[in-house]
Every structure is written in C-alpha cells, then in structure tokens.
C-alpha cells in the first residue's frame, strides 16, 4: 500500500486532531517525529506518554525527545508476545529523571509477585484414579 502522506506527518496530524494521549513507537519513529518541522506547529498538548521499545533507545535520542516534548512522559518496555507482552518496563519517572548508560529495565512487580507465590506454594500434581 502506498501512502500519499509521510507517516510522521499523518501521525502528527492525528495526535492533534484526535487529542491522542498515549502512543507506542519504536525509537526510529520517535526520531522522525521529533525532527519533523511540523512538530513546531502542531498542538501536541494532549500527548501524555510515549511508550517505546523493540529496539535500543540511544541516550542522545532520549535526551532530544525530552527536550522536544518536555510535557510527555517516556516509558521503555521490553517483552515478547509469549509474556503478554511486557516482561520489563522502565516507568516514566525513571526514564525522564535520569538516563543511565544503556537505559534501565525494571521487572514488573505485578508479573513477578504471582510467580514468586506460585513457586512457594506449588499446585499439587493431579492424582490418577
């Protein structure tokens, strides 16, 4: 399918028109978004959070994103479809308050706690009649 308008132009227009609050992008798309000239003329005030993953986020791009969109929280996720879908996530405060080299991934407590409880109290094996 050929798109007549570059996707970043369409994304910026939709964020403005539909008052989008949260989006998930790969770092390459974030780079396109923050470097597009339309970012200066579009009303992106509704945008509260950008989730990103599927590729490493260069620390310099993270810094430029925070400068270009200071009102937007950033959240890095890592996972796989078998994990439904996130295994780890960097909540926005950890992403935006400091940027450690190589990023940070925190284990989701909601995922880990049930696994810990199950390990301590295993389900008994079914008995054959």
Protein backbone atom coordinates (compact mmCIF):
# COMPACT_ATOMS: atom_id res chain seq x y z
CA UNK A 1 0.00 0.00 0.00
CA UNK A 2 1.37 3.38 -0.96
CA UNK A 3 0.68 6.24 1.43
CA UNK A 4 0.44 9.68 -0.16
CA UNK A 5 1.46 11.49 3.04
CA UNK A 6 4.59 10.53 5.03
CA UNK A 7 3.51 8.56 8.12
CA UNK A 8 5.10 11.02 10.53
CA UNK A 9 3.01 13.85 9.03
CA UNK A 10 -0.09 11.71 9.40
CA UNK A 11 0.84 10.78 12.98
CA UNK A 12 1.33 14.41 13.99
CA UNK A 13 -1.98 15.40 12.40
CA UNK A 14 -3.84 12.55 14.12
CA UNK A 15 -2.31 13.31 17.54
CA UNK A 16 -3.53 16.89 17.16
CA UNK A 17 -6.97 16.16 15.68
CA UNK A 18 -7.90 13.15 17.84
CA UNK A 19 -6.28 14.52 21.03
CA UNK A 20 -4.20 11.36 21.41
CA UNK A 21 -2.87 10.87 24.94
CA UNK A 22 -0.66 7.77 24.65
CA UNK A 23 1.23 6.20 21.79
CA UNK A 24 3.79 3.45 21.41
CA UNK A 25 6.59 3.83 18.89
CA UNK A 26 9.95 2.35 18.05
CA UNK A 27 12.90 4.72 18.60
CA UNK A 28 13.30 5.31 14.84
CA UNK A 29 9.73 6.68 14.65
CA UNK A 30 10.36 8.88 17.69
CA UNK A 31 13.41 10.25 15.87
CA UNK A 32 11.30 11.01 12.78
CA UNK A 33 8.62 12.61 14.95
CA UNK A 34 10.84 14.97 16.94
CA UNK A 35 12.88 16.01 13.90
CA UNK A 36 9.96 16.78 11.63
CA UNK A 37 9.38 20.52 11.09
CA UNK A 38 5.61 20.12 11.72
CA UNK A 39 6.28 19.32 15.39
CA UNK A 40 6.68 23.08 15.96
CA UNK A 41 3.28 23.95 14.50
CA UNK A 42 1.11 21.05 15.71
CA UNK A 43 -0.78 21.10 19.01
CA UNK A 44 0.56 18.05 20.82
CA UNK A 45 -0.54 19.20 24.28
CA UNK A 46 -2.87 16.20 24.67
CA UNK A 47 0.03 13.76 24.38
CA UNK A 48 0.88 12.48 27.87
CA UNK A 49 3.04 9.42 27.28
CA UNK A 50 5.13 7.78 24.60
CA UNK A 51 5.92 4.14 25.15
CA UNK A 52 8.83 2.79 23.18
CA UNK A 53 10.64 -0.47 22.64
CA UNK A 54 11.50 -3.14 20.04
CA UNK A 55 14.93 -1.54 19.59
CA UNK A 56 17.54 0.17 21.77
CA UNK A 57 16.89 3.84 22.55
CA UNK A 58 20.10 5.82 22.09
CA UNK A 59 20.64 8.04 25.16
CA UNK A 60 21.13 11.09 22.92
CA UNK A 61 17.76 10.49 21.24
CA UNK A 62 16.12 10.12 24.65
CA UNK A 63 17.57 13.49 25.71
CA UNK A 64 16.42 15.19 22.50
CA UNK A 65 12.95 13.69 22.88
CA UNK A 66 12.67 15.02 26.43
CA UNK A 67 13.72 18.47 25.17
CA UNK A 68 11.33 18.43 22.20
CA UNK A 69 8.36 17.14 24.24
CA UNK A 70 9.01 18.17 27.85
CA UNK A 71 5.39 17.56 28.91
CA UNK A 72 5.43 13.94 27.68
CA UNK A 73 6.41 11.03 29.92
CA UNK A 74 8.54 8.34 28.28
CA UNK A 75 8.31 4.65 29.14
CA UNK A 76 10.61 1.99 27.75
CA UNK A 77 9.23 -1.52 27.51
CA UNK A 78 10.81 -4.86 26.78
CA UNK A 79 8.99 -8.11 26.32
CA UNK A 80 7.82 -10.79 23.99
CA UNK A 81 4.45 -11.95 22.77
CA UNK A 82 4.62 -15.04 24.97
CA UNK A 83 4.84 -12.79 28.05
CA UNK A 84 1.66 -10.88 27.20
CA UNK A 85 3.61 -8.67 26.09
CA UNK A 86 5.88 -6.84 28.57
CA UNK A 87 8.49 -8.53 30.74
CA UNK A 88 10.15 -5.36 31.96
CA UNK A 89 9.26 -1.72 31.83
CA UNK A 90 11.01 1.47 32.71
CA UNK A 91 8.31 3.65 34.27
CA UNK A 92 8.30 7.22 33.06
CA UNK A 93 9.88 8.77 36.20
CA UNK A 94 12.93 6.53 35.88
CA UNK A 95 13.20 7.34 32.17
CA UNK A 96 12.91 11.07 32.47
CA UNK A 97 14.60 11.84 35.79
CA UNK A 98 17.97 10.37 34.89
CA UNK A 99 19.35 8.47 31.96
CA UNK A 100 21.79 5.75 32.93
CA UNK A 101 24.10 4.49 30.22
CA UNK A 102 22.31 1.76 28.33
CA UNK A 103 18.90 2.54 29.86
CA UNK A 104 17.14 0.78 32.70
CA UNK A 105 14.62 -2.05 32.81
CA UNK A 106 12.64 -2.84 35.93
CA UNK A 107 10.86 -6.12 36.46
CA UNK A 108 7.11 -5.61 36.65
CA UNK A 109 6.08 -6.41 40.21
CA UNK A 110 2.64 -7.44 39.00
CA UNK A 111 4.26 -10.15 36.90
CA UNK A 112 6.89 -11.26 39.40
CA UNK A 113 4.75 -11.48 42.57
CA UNK A 114 2.36 -14.20 41.30
CA UNK A 115 5.32 -16.22 40.01
CA UNK A 116 7.04 -15.97 43.40
CA UNK A 117 3.87 -17.01 45.23
CA UNK A 118 3.36 -19.96 42.87
CA UNK A 119 6.95 -21.13 43.44
CA UNK A 120 6.43 -21.09 47.23
CA UNK A 121 3.04 -22.83 47.03
CA UNK A 122 3.16 -25.14 44.02
CA UNK A 123 -0.08 -26.63 42.71
CA UNK A 124 -0.20 -30.33 43.63
CA UNK A 125 0.14 -32.86 40.84
CA UNK A 126 -3.19 -34.38 39.78
CA UNK A 127 -3.80 -37.89 41.07
CA UNK A 128 -4.64 -40.65 38.59
CA UNK A 129 -7.83 -42.55 39.58
